[in-house]
Amino acid sequence: MGEYTAKEMGVHPATCEAHWSTGSVPCCDRHARELVGLGRFMGLHVPLTQLTEPAQCTNCVNEAKVK
């Protein structure tokens, strides 16, 4: 990931990555809790790691596109 300015980050800053079998997903705190809950419902363990570089929450960005 590259360096992002505050303006480029917009209103969707990610704080951690959720690790699925298909890959890592940058996410905010709210979506991290939801993804862990979804994984628990499916019988999966979804580990989270703190981000070291700025990124945007993939789920927030997708929700904004729908609106």
N, C-alpha and C. Protein backbone atom coordinates (compact mmCIF):
# COMPACT_ATOMS: atom_id res chain seq x y z
N MET A 1 0.83 -1.17 0.00
CA MET A 1 0.00 0.00 0.00
C MET A 1 0.88 1.24 0.00
N GLY A 2 0.40 2.25 -0.68
CA GLY A 2 1.16 3.48 -0.73
C GLY A 2 0.76 4.44 0.36
N GLU A 3 1.41 5.58 0.37
CA GLU A 3 1.09 6.61 1.34
C GLU A 3 -0.16 7.36 0.88
N TYR A 4 -1.07 7.62 1.80
CA TYR A 4 -2.29 8.36 1.51
C TYR A 4 -2.31 9.63 2.33
N THR A 5 -2.82 10.69 1.74
CA THR A 5 -3.04 11.93 2.50
C THR A 5 -4.40 11.83 3.18
N ALA A 6 -4.67 12.72 4.12
CA ALA A 6 -5.96 12.71 4.81
C ALA A 6 -7.11 12.89 3.82
N LYS A 7 -6.91 13.72 2.80
CA LYS A 7 -7.96 13.94 1.81
C LYS A 7 -8.23 12.67 1.01
N GLU A 8 -7.17 11.94 0.64
CA GLU A 8 -7.34 10.71 -0.12
C GLU A 8 -8.00 9.62 0.71
N MET A 9 -7.79 9.66 2.02
CA MET A 9 -8.38 8.66 2.91
C MET A 9 -9.89 8.84 2.98
N GLY A 10 -10.37 10.04 2.77
CA GLY A 10 -11.80 10.29 2.80
C GLY A 10 -12.37 9.99 4.18
N VAL A 11 -13.55 9.45 4.22
CA VAL A 11 -14.21 9.16 5.49
C VAL A 11 -14.25 7.66 5.78
N HIS A 12 -13.37 6.89 5.16
CA HIS A 12 -13.40 5.44 5.31
C HIS A 12 -12.05 4.87 5.78
N PRO A 13 -11.47 5.41 6.84
CA PRO A 13 -10.16 4.89 7.25
C PRO A 13 -10.27 3.49 7.85
N ALA A 14 -9.38 2.62 7.45
CA ALA A 14 -9.31 1.26 8.00
C ALA A 14 -8.34 1.25 9.17
N THR A 15 -8.64 0.46 10.18
CA THR A 15 -7.78 0.35 11.35
C THR A 15 -7.09 -1.00 11.44
N CYS A 16 -7.64 -2.01 10.75
CA CYS A 16 -7.05 -3.34 10.83
C CYS A 16 -7.37 -4.13 9.56
N GLU A 17 -6.80 -5.33 9.48
CA GLU A 17 -7.07 -6.24 8.38
C GLU A 17 -7.69 -7.51 8.93
N ALA A 18 -8.77 -7.94 8.30
CA ALA A 18 -9.39 -9.22 8.62
C ALA A 18 -8.82 -10.24 7.63
N HIS A 19 -8.36 -11.36 8.13
CA HIS A 19 -7.71 -12.36 7.28
C HIS A 19 -8.65 -13.53 7.01
N TRP A 20 -9.10 -13.61 5.77
CA TRP A 20 -9.95 -14.69 5.30
C TRP A 20 -9.10 -15.65 4.48
N SER A 21 -9.63 -16.81 4.15
CA SER A 21 -8.89 -17.77 3.33
C SER A 21 -8.65 -17.23 1.92
N THR A 22 -9.48 -16.30 1.48
CA THR A 22 -9.32 -15.71 0.14
C THR A 22 -8.41 -14.51 0.13
N GLY A 23 -7.99 -14.03 1.31
CA GLY A 23 -7.09 -12.89 1.38
C GLY A 23 -7.45 -11.95 2.52
N SER A 24 -6.68 -10.90 2.62
CA SER A 24 -6.86 -9.91 3.69
C SER A 24 -7.78 -8.79 3.23
N VAL A 25 -8.59 -8.30 4.15
CA VAL A 25 -9.54 -7.22 3.87
C VAL A 25 -9.29 -6.08 4.85
N PRO A 26 -8.86 -4.90 4.37
CA PRO A 26 -8.74 -3.75 5.28
C PRO A 26 -10.13 -3.33 5.74
N CYS A 27 -10.28 -3.08 7.05
CA CYS A 27 -11.60 -2.71 7.54
C CYS A 27 -11.53 -1.79 8.75
N CYS A 28 -12.61 -1.06 8.94
CA CYS A 28 -12.75 -0.18 10.11
C CYS A 28 -13.16 -1.05 11.30
N ASP A 29 -13.24 -0.44 12.47
CA ASP A 29 -13.60 -1.20 13.67
C ASP A 29 -14.98 -1.85 13.56
N ARG A 30 -15.94 -1.11 13.02
CA ARG A 30 -17.31 -1.64 12.91
C ARG A 30 -17.34 -2.87 12.00
N HIS A 31 -16.72 -2.76 10.83
CA HIS A 31 -16.74 -3.89 9.91
C HIS A 31 -15.86 -5.04 10.41
N ALA A 32 -14.83 -4.75 11.16
CA ALA A 32 -14.01 -5.82 11.74
C ALA A 32 -14.87 -6.66 12.67
N ARG A 33 -15.66 -6.00 13.54
CA ARG A 33 -16.54 -6.74 14.45
C ARG A 33 -17.56 -7.57 13.66
N GLU A 34 -18.11 -6.99 12.59
CA GLU A 34 -19.10 -7.71 11.79
C GLU A 34 -18.48 -8.91 11.08
N LEU A 35 -17.26 -8.76 10.56
CA LEU A 35 -16.60 -9.88 9.88
C LEU A 35 -16.23 -10.99 10.85
N VAL A 36 -15.79 -10.63 12.03
CA VAL A 36 -15.48 -11.65 13.04
C VAL A 36 -16.76 -12.38 13.44
N GLY A 37 -17.85 -11.64 13.61
CA GLY A 37 -19.13 -12.26 13.94
C GLY A 37 -19.63 -13.19 12.83
N LEU A 38 -19.48 -12.76 11.59
CA LEU A 38 -19.87 -13.59 10.46
C LEU A 38 -19.04 -14.87 10.43
N GLY A 39 -17.74 -14.71 10.62
CA GLY A 39 -16.87 -15.89 10.65
C GLY A 39 -17.25 -16.84 11.77
N ARG A 40 -17.55 -16.30 12.95
CA ARG A 40 -17.96 -17.12 14.08
C ARG A 40 -19.24 -17.88 13.76
N PHE A 41 -20.19 -17.20 13.10
CA PHE A 41 -21.45 -17.84 12.70
C PHE A 41 -21.18 -19.00 11.75
N MET A 42 -20.18 -18.83 10.87
CA MET A 42 -19.84 -19.87 9.89
C MET A 42 -18.89 -20.92 10.46
N GLY A 43 -18.50 -20.77 11.73
CA GLY A 43 -17.60 -21.73 12.35
C GLY A 43 -16.14 -21.48 12.01
N LEU A 44 -15.80 -20.25 11.64
CA LEU A 44 -14.44 -19.91 11.25
C LEU A 44 -13.81 -18.96 12.26
N HIS A 45 -12.51 -19.00 12.34
CA HIS A 45 -11.76 -18.03 13.13
C HIS A 45 -11.23 -16.98 12.16
N VAL A 46 -11.55 -15.72 12.38
CA VAL A 46 -11.09 -14.64 11.50
C VAL A 46 -10.11 -13.78 12.30
N PRO A 47 -8.80 -14.00 12.10
CA PRO A 47 -7.83 -13.18 12.83
C PRO A 47 -7.78 -11.76 12.29
N LEU A 48 -7.49 -10.82 13.19
CA LEU A 48 -7.35 -9.41 12.83
C LEU A 48 -5.93 -8.98 13.16
N THR A 49 -5.36 -8.14 12.30
CA THR A 49 -4.06 -7.54 12.59
C THR A 49 -4.17 -6.03 12.40
N GLN A 50 -3.43 -5.32 13.23
CA GLN A 50 -3.41 -3.86 13.15
C GLN A 50 -2.68 -3.43 11.88
N LEU A 51 -3.20 -2.41 11.20
CA LEU A 51 -2.55 -1.90 9.99
C LEU A 51 -1.35 -1.04 10.37
N THR A 52 -0.30 -1.13 9.58
CA THR A 52 0.87 -0.29 9.79
C THR A 52 0.89 0.88 8.82
N GLU A 53 0.12 0.77 7.72
CA GLU A 53 0.03 1.84 6.72
C GLU A 53 -1.43 2.22 6.54
N PRO A 54 -1.71 3.46 6.20
CA PRO A 54 -3.09 3.90 5.99
C PRO A 54 -3.75 3.15 4.83
N ALA A 55 -5.02 2.86 5.00
CA ALA A 55 -5.81 2.20 3.95
C ALA A 55 -7.26 2.59 4.16
N GLN A 56 -8.09 2.30 3.18
CA GLN A 56 -9.52 2.56 3.28
C GLN A 56 -10.24 1.26 3.56
N CYS A 57 -11.31 1.36 4.33
CA CYS A 57 -12.13 0.19 4.64
C CYS A 57 -12.86 -0.24 3.36
N THR A 58 -12.59 -1.45 2.93
CA THR A 58 -13.18 -1.97 1.70
C THR A 58 -14.70 -1.98 1.77
N ASN A 59 -15.24 -2.39 2.91
CA ASN A 59 -16.69 -2.47 3.05
C ASN A 59 -17.35 -1.10 3.06
N CYS A 60 -16.75 -0.12 3.72
CA CYS A 60 -17.30 1.25 3.73
C CYS A 60 -17.30 1.83 2.31
N VAL A 61 -16.23 1.60 1.58
CA VAL A 61 -16.14 2.10 0.20
C VAL A 61 -17.24 1.46 -0.65
N ASN A 62 -17.44 0.16 -0.51
CA ASN A 62 -18.49 -0.53 -1.28
C ASN A 62 -19.88 -0.03 -0.89
N GLU A 63 -20.10 0.23 0.40
CA GLU A 63 -21.40 0.77 0.83
C GLU A 63 -21.63 2.15 0.24
N ALA A 64 -20.58 2.98 0.18
CA ALA A 64 -20.71 4.33 -0.37
C ALA A 64 -21.05 4.30 -1.86
N LYS A 65 -20.54 3.30 -2.56
CA LYS A 65 -20.82 3.19 -4.00
C LYS A 65 -22.29 2.88 -4.25
N VAL A 66 -22.92 2.15 -3.36
CA VAL A 66 -24.32 1.76 -3.51
C VAL A 66 -25.24 2.94 -3.29
N LYS A 67 -24.85 3.86 -2.40
CA LYS A 67 -25.70 5.01 -2.06
C LYS A 67 -25.76 6.01 -3.16
